[in-house]
Amino acid sequence: MSEPEPATPGPRAFLPAMARESFLPWYDLTSRLLGAGPAHARLVAQAAPPAGGRVLEIGCGTGNVLVAVARRHPDVELIGIDPDTAALDRARGKLPDRVRLEHAYADDLPLPDAHVDRVLSSLMFHHLPPDQQRGALREARRVLRPGGSLHLVDMEGELSRGPLARLVNAGMRWTARGRGDQGHGHGHGHGHGHDDGDEPRRHLTGADEVLALMGEAGLVDAAVVERRRWTLGTLAFYSARVPA
């Protein structure tokens, strides 16, 4: 397969969620096949947005999590950010006009301080290099209101060894090579894969490290709320909050 195709040039380089812009039409189908829908529903239920509140999703991609929030909480104001304009265009086709979608990055949010009640992130955090992980959590802390909370789901540990996992591992290796291990995907990204014979593996941020980063960002009560088995391995659901 050919090398990843860089996304449309912008102020910061990134690679699309499916490694090539031309693969974006397959993103939602792939997400369904991988069983991401139940994880999205679990994340939204965990976040429990307050009536009339405001929710931000960082790395919203094609808008699947925002759709889930909009269906369950029609009175909540929604904001989604992502640097992939093509993905945002797809999200606009799914979402009500009241949803605000912005071309932006997780570590540089175009929002004022103490602006939202909840920040959500789904299967994006492991794509960020460490400096952007720290920046994203600091920004989440900044834009959350006192008493507001962050709810994040991400893969934990190494990917499983099944056929789908091997395909995703291969895509991660292409991404790493395509950007000299500095590529961005699903809004942001960073190659952590390495060759292990014919089976390159992705080494994901461990729960202890994620919780420590949340604490460094000024969030409190950081915890893994639940772990679930998934097609590609284990999903960890995190929560943390801003002091009231």
C-alpha atoms as a PDB file:
ATOM      1  CA  MET A   1       0.000   0.000   0.000  1.00  0.00           C
ATOM      2  CA  SER A   2       1.194   3.510  -0.729  1.00  0.00           C
ATOM      3  CA  GLU A   3       2.508   5.893   1.879  1.00  0.00           C
ATOM      4  CA  PRO A   4       0.048   8.158   3.746  1.00  0.00           C
ATOM      5  CA  GLU A   5      -1.134  11.179   1.867  1.00  0.00           C
ATOM      6  CA  PRO A   6      -0.656  14.442   3.766  1.00  0.00           C
ATOM      7  CA  ALA A   7      -3.820  16.383   4.420  1.00  0.00           C
ATOM      8  CA  THR A   8      -4.481  19.740   2.842  1.00  0.00           C
ATOM      9  CA  PRO A   9      -1.690  22.065   3.972  1.00  0.00           C
ATOM     10  CA  GLY A  10      -2.574  24.245   6.931  1.00  0.00           C
ATOM     11  CA  PRO A  11      -0.896  26.140   9.733  1.00  0.00           C
ATOM     12  CA  ARG A  12       0.104  22.831  11.339  1.00  0.00           C
ATOM     13  CA  ALA A  13       0.776  19.518   9.649  1.00  0.00           C
ATOM     14  CA  PHE A  14      -1.382  16.491  10.412  1.00  0.00           C
ATOM     15  CA  LEU A  15      -2.449  13.246   8.816  1.00  0.00           C
ATOM     16  CA  PRO A  16      -6.114  12.312   8.432  1.00  0.00           C
ATOM     17  CA  ALA A  17      -7.806   9.803  10.715  1.00  0.00           C
ATOM     18  CA  MET A  18      -7.558   6.997   8.123  1.00  0.00           C
ATOM     19  CA  ALA A  19      -3.976   7.877   7.064  1.00  0.00           C
ATOM     20  CA  ARG A  20      -5.111   9.166   3.632  1.00  0.00           C
ATOM     21  CA  GLU A  21      -7.659  11.851   2.832  1.00  0.00           C
ATOM     22  CA  SER A  22      -9.126   9.573   0.155  1.00  0.00           C
ATOM     23  CA  PHE A  23     -10.005   6.999   2.847  1.00  0.00           C
ATOM     24  CA  LEU A  24     -12.181   9.422   4.841  1.00  0.00           C
ATOM     25  CA  PRO A  25     -15.463   8.195   3.251  1.00  0.00           C
ATOM     26  CA  TRP A  26     -14.762   4.831   4.918  1.00  0.00           C
ATOM     27  CA  TYR A  27     -14.174   6.278   8.377  1.00  0.00           C
ATOM     28  CA  ASP A  28     -17.705   5.954   9.742  1.00  0.00           C
ATOM     29  CA  LEU A  29     -18.131   2.427   8.396  1.00  0.00           C
ATOM     30  CA  THR A  30     -14.806   1.404   9.918  1.00  0.00           C
ATOM     31  CA  SER A  31     -15.806   2.967  13.224  1.00  0.00           C
ATOM     32  CA  ARG A  32     -19.028   0.943  13.258  1.00  0.00           C
ATOM     33  CA  LEU A  33     -17.225  -2.283  12.339  1.00  0.00           C
ATOM     34  CA  LEU A  34     -14.782  -1.720  15.197  1.00  0.00           C
ATOM     35  CA  GLY A  35     -17.674  -1.228  17.615  1.00  0.00           C
ATOM     36  CA  ALA A  36     -16.919   2.365  18.570  1.00  0.00           C
ATOM     37  CA  GLY A  37     -20.616   3.220  19.007  1.00  0.00           C
ATOM     38  CA  PRO A  38     -21.024   1.591  22.450  1.00  0.00           C
ATOM     39  CA  ALA A  39     -17.877   3.371  23.643  1.00  0.00           C
ATOM     40  CA  HIS A  40     -19.304   6.692  22.492  1.00  0.00           C
ATOM     41  CA  ALA A  41     -22.584   5.992  24.282  1.00  0.00           C
ATOM     42  CA  ARG A  42     -20.723   5.019  27.465  1.00  0.00           C
ATOM     43  CA  LEU A  43     -18.669   8.220  27.324  1.00  0.00           C
ATOM     44  CA  VAL A  44     -21.758  10.411  26.913  1.00  0.00           C
ATOM     45  CA  ALA A  45     -23.551   8.647  29.773  1.00  0.00           C
ATOM     46  CA  GLN A  46     -20.502   9.086  31.993  1.00  0.00           C
ATOM     47  CA  ALA A  47     -20.256  12.792  31.199  1.00  0.00           C
ATOM     48  CA  ALA A  48     -23.941  13.397  32.089  1.00  0.00           C
ATOM     49  CA  PRO A  49     -24.050  16.968  30.693  1.00  0.00           C
ATOM     50  CA  PRO A  50     -26.147  19.306  32.825  1.00  0.00           C
ATOM     51  CA  ALA A  51     -29.435  20.572  31.437  1.00  0.00           C
ATOM     52  CA  GLY A  52     -28.795  23.689  29.375  1.00  0.00           C
ATOM     53  CA  GLY A  53     -25.044  23.215  29.736  1.00  0.00           C
ATOM     54  CA  ARG A  54     -22.235  23.495  27.218  1.00  0.00           C
ATOM     55  CA  VAL A  55     -20.135  20.560  25.973  1.00  0.00           C
ATOM     56  CA  LEU A  56     -16.880  20.608  23.984  1.00  0.00           C
ATOM     57  CA  GLU A  57     -15.413  17.645  22.143  1.00  0.00           C
ATOM     58  CA  ILE A  58     -11.737  17.850  21.220  1.00  0.00           C
ATOM     59  CA  GLY A  59     -10.820  15.917  18.083  1.00  0.00           C
ATOM     60  CA  CYS A  60     -14.458  15.514  17.056  1.00  0.00           C
ATOM     61  CA  GLY A  61     -13.641  14.077  13.617  1.00  0.00           C
ATOM     62  CA  THR A  62     -16.802  13.303  11.654  1.00  0.00           C
ATOM     63  CA  GLY A  63     -19.015  14.114  14.638  1.00  0.00           C
ATOM     64  CA  ASN A  64     -20.141  10.709  15.933  1.00  0.00           C
ATOM     65  CA  VAL A  65     -19.815  11.576  19.630  1.00  0.00           C
ATOM     66  CA  LEU A  66     -21.498  14.939  19.121  1.00  0.00           C
ATOM     67  CA  VAL A  67     -24.395  13.167  17.377  1.00  0.00           C
ATOM     68  CA  ALA A  68     -24.762  10.918  20.421  1.00  0.00           C
ATOM     69  CA  VAL A  69     -24.816  13.921  22.769  1.00  0.00           C
ATOM     70  CA  ALA A  70     -27.290  15.822  20.589  1.00  0.00           C
ATOM     71  CA  ARG A  71     -29.717  12.883  20.542  1.00  0.00           C
ATOM     72  CA  ARG A  72     -29.623  12.319  24.295  1.00  0.00           C
ATOM     73  CA  HIS A  73     -29.357  15.957  25.403  1.00  0.00           C
ATOM     74  CA  PRO A  74     -31.122  18.213  22.873  1.00  0.00           C
ATOM     75  CA  ASP A  75     -30.974  21.192  25.248  1.00  0.00           C
ATOM     76  CA  VAL A  76     -27.153  21.131  25.544  1.00  0.00           C
ATOM     77  CA  GLU A  77     -24.996  23.544  23.563  1.00  0.00           C
ATOM     78  CA  LEU A  78     -22.354  21.641  21.579  1.00  0.00           C
ATOM     79  CA  ILE A  79     -18.914  22.628  20.293  1.00  0.00           C
ATOM     80  CA  GLY A  80     -16.545  20.406  18.336  1.00  0.00           C
ATOM     81  CA  ILE A  81     -12.968  21.133  17.272  1.00  0.00           C
ATOM     82  CA  ASP A  82     -10.758  19.294  14.805  1.00  0.00           C
ATOM     83  CA  PRO A  83      -7.991  20.382  12.407  1.00  0.00           C
ATOM     84  CA  ASP A  84      -9.324  18.187   9.584  1.00  0.00           C
ATOM     85  CA  THR A  85     -11.651  20.400   7.567  1.00  0.00           C
ATOM     86  CA  ALA A  86     -12.881  17.480   5.451  1.00  0.00           C
ATOM     87  CA  ALA A  87     -13.926  15.601   8.588  1.00  0.00           C
ATOM     88  CA  LEU A  88     -15.652  18.721   9.883  1.00  0.00           C
ATOM     89  CA  ASP A  89     -17.583  19.009   6.628  1.00  0.00           C
ATOM     90  CA  ARG A  90     -18.882  15.476   7.170  1.00  0.00           C
ATOM     91  CA  ALA A  91     -19.787  16.314  10.748  1.00  0.00           C
ATOM     92  CA  ARG A  92     -21.813  19.327   9.586  1.00  0.00           C
ATOM     93  CA  GLY A  93     -23.880  17.023   7.392  1.00  0.00           C
ATOM     94  CA  LYS A  94     -24.897  14.957  10.453  1.00  0.00           C
ATOM     95  CA  LEU A  95     -25.397  17.608  13.094  1.00  0.00           C
ATOM     96  CA  PRO A  96     -28.033  20.290  13.752  1.00  0.00           C
ATOM     97  CA  ASP A  97     -27.111  23.815  12.736  1.00  0.00           C
ATOM     98  CA  ARG A  98     -26.942  24.782  16.411  1.00  0.00           C
ATOM     99  CA  VAL A  99     -23.717  22.780  16.838  1.00  0.00           C
ATOM    100  CA  ARG A 100     -20.601  24.947  16.567  1.00  0.00           C
ATOM    101  CA  LEU A 101     -17.716  23.280  14.710  1.00  0.00           C
ATOM    102  CA  GLU A 102     -14.276  24.886  14.651  1.00  0.00           C
ATOM    103  CA  HIS A 103     -11.072  24.176  12.769  1.00  0.00           C
ATOM    104  CA  ALA A 104      -8.655  24.091  15.719  1.00  0.00           C
ATOM    105  CA  TYR A 105      -6.236  21.973  17.738  1.00  0.00           C
ATOM    106  CA  ALA A 106      -6.636  20.340  21.139  1.00  0.00           C
ATOM    107  CA  ASP A 107      -3.706  22.235  22.640  1.00  0.00           C
ATOM    108  CA  ASP A 108      -4.870  25.627  21.308  1.00  0.00           C
ATOM    109  CA  LEU A 109      -8.617  25.927  21.860  1.00  0.00           C
ATOM    110  CA  PRO A 110     -10.455  28.976  20.418  1.00  0.00           C
ATOM    111  CA  LEU A 111     -12.548  29.376  23.556  1.00  0.00           C
ATOM    112  CA  PRO A 112     -12.461  31.747  26.542  1.00  0.00           C
ATOM    113  CA  ASP A 113     -11.622  30.641  30.056  1.00  0.00           C
ATOM    114  CA  ALA A 114     -14.294  28.797  32.079  1.00  0.00           C
ATOM    115  CA  HIS A 115     -16.550  28.471  29.032  1.00  0.00           C
ATOM    116  CA  VAL A 116     -17.830  24.858  29.093  1.00  0.00           C
ATOM    117  CA  ASP A 117     -19.293  22.392  31.578  1.00  0.00           C
ATOM    118  CA  ARG A 118     -17.869  19.235  30.015  1.00  0.00           C
ATOM    119  CA  VAL A 119     -14.928  18.367  27.768  1.00  0.00           C
ATOM    120  CA  LEU A 120     -15.068  15.035  25.916  1.00  0.00           C
ATOM    121  CA  SER A 121     -12.382  13.146  24.012  1.00  0.00           C
ATOM    122  CA  SER A 122     -12.859   9.808  22.259  1.00  0.00           C
ATOM    123  CA  LEU A 123     -10.039   7.609  20.959  1.00  0.00           C
ATOM    124  CA  MET A 124      -7.867  10.597  20.158  1.00  0.00           C
ATOM    125  CA  PHE A 125      -5.535  11.143  23.105  1.00  0.00           C
ATOM    126  CA  HIS A 126      -3.062   8.404  22.145  1.00  0.00           C
ATOM    127  CA  HIS A 127      -2.442  10.161  18.828  1.00  0.00           C
ATOM    128  CA  LEU A 128      -0.922  13.167  20.570  1.00  0.00           C
ATOM    129  CA  PRO A 129       2.802  13.408  21.265  1.00  0.00           C
ATOM    130  CA  PRO A 130       3.596  14.072  24.942  1.00  0.00           C
ATOM    131  CA  ASP A 131       3.901  17.844  24.620  1.00  0.00           C
ATOM    132  CA  GLN A 132       0.508  18.078  22.932  1.00  0.00           C
ATOM    133  CA  GLN A 133      -1.037  15.716  25.492  1.00  0.00           C
ATOM    134  CA  ARG A 134       0.072  18.102  28.222  1.00  0.00           C
ATOM    135  CA  GLY A 135      -1.114  21.095  26.227  1.00  0.00           C
ATOM    136  CA  ALA A 136      -4.498  19.528  25.516  1.00  0.00           C
ATOM    137  CA  LEU A 137      -5.115  18.765  29.184  1.00  0.00           C
ATOM    138  CA  ARG A 138      -4.047  22.269  30.213  1.00  0.00           C
ATOM    139  CA  GLU A 139      -6.438  23.718  27.655  1.00  0.00           C
ATOM    140  CA  ALA A 140      -9.249  21.453  28.852  1.00  0.00           C
ATOM    141  CA  ARG A 141      -8.611  22.687  32.388  1.00  0.00           C
ATOM    142  CA  ARG A 142      -8.614  26.311  31.202  1.00  0.00           C
ATOM    143  CA  VAL A 143     -11.906  26.202  29.305  1.00  0.00           C
ATOM    144  CA  LEU A 144     -13.807  24.187  31.934  1.00  0.00           C
ATOM    145  CA  ARG A 145     -15.918  26.063  34.421  1.00  0.00           C
ATOM    146  CA  PRO A 146     -15.331  25.525  38.153  1.00  0.00           C
ATOM    147  CA  GLY A 147     -16.821  22.129  38.965  1.00  0.00           C
ATOM    148  CA  GLY A 148     -16.780  21.129  35.285  1.00  0.00           C
ATOM    149  CA  SER A 149     -15.306  17.823  34.205  1.00  0.00           C
ATOM    150  CA  LEU A 150     -13.243  16.095  31.535  1.00  0.00           C
ATOM    151  CA  HIS A 151     -14.326  12.681  30.211  1.00  0.00           C
ATOM    152  CA  LEU A 152     -11.900  10.795  28.019  1.00  0.00           C
ATOM    153  CA  VAL A 153     -11.878   7.313  26.504  1.00  0.00           C
ATOM    154  CA  ASP A 154      -8.739   5.900  24.944  1.00  0.00           C
ATOM    155  CA  MET A 155      -6.965   2.640  24.253  1.00  0.00           C
ATOM    156  CA  GLU A 156      -4.842   1.317  27.076  1.00  0.00           C
ATOM    157  CA  GLY A 157      -1.878  -1.043  26.782  1.00  0.00           C
ATOM    158  CA  GLU A 158      -0.895  -2.695  23.532  1.00  0.00           C
ATOM    159  CA  LEU A 159      -3.267  -3.405  20.697  1.00  0.00           C
ATOM    160  CA  SER A 160      -4.638  -6.905  20.324  1.00  0.00           C
ATOM    161  CA  ARG A 161      -3.034  -9.265  17.805  1.00  0.00           C
ATOM    162  CA  GLY A 162      -6.093 -10.019  15.665  1.00  0.00           C
ATOM    163  CA  PRO A 163      -6.485  -9.237  11.944  1.00  0.00           C
ATOM    164  CA  LEU A 164      -8.065  -5.827  12.501  1.00  0.00           C
ATOM    165  CA  ALA A 165      -5.353  -4.906  14.984  1.00  0.00           C
ATOM    166  CA  ARG A 166      -2.653  -5.892  12.487  1.00  0.00           C
ATOM    167  CA  LEU A 167      -4.286  -3.640   9.891  1.00  0.00           C
ATOM    168  CA  VAL A 168      -4.403  -0.705  12.320  1.00  0.00           C
ATOM    169  CA  ASN A 169      -0.817  -1.367  13.416  1.00  0.00           C
ATOM    170  CA  ALA A 170       0.268  -1.220   9.793  1.00  0.00           C
ATOM    171  CA  GLY A 171      -1.522   2.102   9.365  1.00  0.00           C
ATOM    172  CA  MET A 172       0.254   3.460  12.435  1.00  0.00           C
ATOM    173  CA  ARG A 173       3.607   2.424  10.999  1.00  0.00           C
ATOM    174  CA  TRP A 174       2.813   4.198   7.713  1.00  0.00           C
ATOM    175  CA  THR A 175       1.804   7.284   9.675  1.00  0.00           C
ATOM    176  CA  ALA A 176       5.039   7.279  11.648  1.00  0.00           C
ATOM    177  CA  ARG A 177       7.150   6.881   8.509  1.00  0.00           C
ATOM    178  CA  GLY A 178       5.117   9.437   6.567  1.00  0.00           C
ATOM    179  CA  ARG A 179       5.922  12.185   9.070  1.00  0.00           C
ATOM    180  CA  GLY A 180       9.257  11.061  10.426  1.00  0.00           C
ATOM    181  CA  ASP A 181       7.451   9.901  13.605  1.00  0.00           C
ATOM    182  CA  GLN A 182       5.894  13.345  13.967  1.00  0.00           C
ATOM    183  CA  GLY A 183       2.705  12.797  11.975  1.00  0.00           C
ATOM    184  CA  HIS A 184      -0.743  13.812  13.077  1.00  0.00           C
ATOM    185  CA  GLY A 185      -3.953  11.865  12.698  1.00  0.00           C
ATOM    186  CA  HIS A 186      -7.505  12.031  14.038  1.00  0.00           C
ATOM    187  CA  GLY A 187      -6.922  15.660  14.650  1.00  0.00           C
ATOM    188  CA  HIS A 188      -3.419  15.187  15.993  1.00  0.00           C
ATOM    189  CA  GLY A 189      -1.065  12.276  16.108  1.00  0.00           C
ATOM    190  CA  HIS A 190       2.302  10.854  16.871  1.00  0.00           C
ATOM    191  CA  GLY A 191       3.900   7.598  15.821  1.00  0.00           C
ATOM    192  CA  HIS A 192       4.889   5.378  18.725  1.00  0.00           C
ATOM    193  CA  GLY A 193       5.030   2.153  16.755  1.00  0.00           C
ATOM    194  CA  HIS A 194       8.186   0.202  16.084  1.00  0.00           C
ATOM    195  CA  ASP A 195       9.063  -2.902  14.154  1.00  0.00           C
ATOM    196  CA  ASP A 196       8.722  -6.174  16.026  1.00  0.00           C
ATOM    197  CA  GLY A 197       9.534  -8.650  13.318  1.00  0.00           C
ATOM    198  CA  ASP A 198       6.601  -8.525  10.935  1.00  0.00           C
ATOM    199  CA  GLU A 199       4.243  -7.261  13.643  1.00  0.00           C
ATOM    200  CA  PRO A 200       4.846  -3.591  14.481  1.00  0.00           C
ATOM    201  CA  ARG A 201       3.071  -2.694  17.712  1.00  0.00           C
ATOM    202  CA  ARG A 202       1.723   0.538  19.085  1.00  0.00           C
ATOM    203  CA  HIS A 203       2.769   1.368  22.622  1.00  0.00           C
ATOM    204  CA  LEU A 204      -0.052   3.370  24.169  1.00  0.00           C
ATOM    205  CA  THR A 205       0.048   5.752  27.094  1.00  0.00           C
ATOM    206  CA  GLY A 206      -0.575   3.844  30.331  1.00  0.00           C
ATOM    207  CA  ALA A 207      -3.366   4.789  32.700  1.00  0.00           C
ATOM    208  CA  ASP A 208      -0.968   5.892  35.448  1.00  0.00           C
ATOM    209  CA  GLU A 209       0.716   8.284  33.016  1.00  0.00           C
ATOM    210  CA  VAL A 210      -2.600   9.728  31.809  1.00  0.00           C
ATOM    211  CA  LEU A 211      -3.764  10.264  35.385  1.00  0.00           C
ATOM    212  CA  ALA A 212      -0.472  11.934  36.289  1.00  0.00           C
ATOM    213  CA  LEU A 213      -0.766  14.279  33.300  1.00  0.00           C
ATOM    214  CA  MET A 214      -4.278  15.214  34.365  1.00  0.00           C
ATOM    215  CA  GLY A 215      -2.978  16.090  37.805  1.00  0.00           C
ATOM    216  CA  GLU A 216      -0.154  18.164  36.317  1.00  0.00           C
ATOM    217  CA  ALA A 217      -2.750  20.106  34.310  1.00  0.00           C
ATOM    218  CA  GLY A 218      -4.547  21.121  37.509  1.00  0.00           C
ATOM    219  CA  LEU A 219      -7.423  18.647  37.276  1.00  0.00           C
ATOM    220  CA  VAL A 220      -8.481  16.817  40.429  1.00  0.00           C
ATOM    221  CA  ASP A 221     -10.087  13.464  41.241  1.00  0.00           C
ATOM    222  CA  ALA A 222      -8.568  11.939  38.100  1.00  0.00           C
ATOM    223  CA  ALA A 223      -9.590   8.300  37.844  1.00  0.00           C
ATOM    224  CA  VAL A 224     -10.197   5.372  35.530  1.00  0.00           C
ATOM    225  CA  VAL A 225     -13.953   4.951  35.827  1.00  0.00           C
ATOM    226  CA  GLU A 226     -14.190   1.742  33.810  1.00  0.00           C
ATOM    227  CA  ARG A 227     -12.249  -0.562  31.514  1.00  0.00           C
ATOM    228  CA  ARG A 228     -13.857  -2.445  28.635  1.00  0.00           C
ATOM    229  CA  ARG A 229     -12.629  -5.015  26.165  1.00  0.00           C
ATOM    230  CA  TRP A 230     -12.755  -3.794  22.567  1.00  0.00           C
ATOM    231  CA  THR A 231     -11.981  -5.156  19.111  1.00  0.00           C
ATOM    232  CA  LEU A 232      -8.508  -3.599  19.240  1.00  0.00           C
ATOM    233  CA  GLY A 233      -7.730  -4.215  22.911  1.00  0.00           C
ATOM    234  CA  THR A 234      -8.758  -2.461  26.120  1.00  0.00           C
ATOM    235  CA  LEU A 235     -10.554   0.857  26.436  1.00  0.00           C
ATOM    236  CA  ALA A 236     -10.073   2.967  29.555  1.00  0.00           C
ATOM    237  CA  PHE A 237     -12.689   5.565  30.492  1.00  0.00           C
ATOM    238  CA  TYR A 238     -11.194   8.455  32.465  1.00  0.00           C
ATOM    239  CA  SER A 239     -12.718  11.335  34.356  1.00  0.00           C
ATOM    240  CA  ALA A 240     -11.283  14.363  36.119  1.00  0.00           C
ATOM    241  CA  ARG A 241     -12.700  17.685  37.216  1.00  0.00           C
ATOM    242  CA  VAL A 242     -11.892  21.299  37.895  1.00  0.00           C
ATOM    243  CA  PRO A 243     -12.166  22.287  41.565  1.00  0.00           C
ATOM    244  CA  ALA A 244     -15.437  24.050  42.325  1.00  0.00           C
END
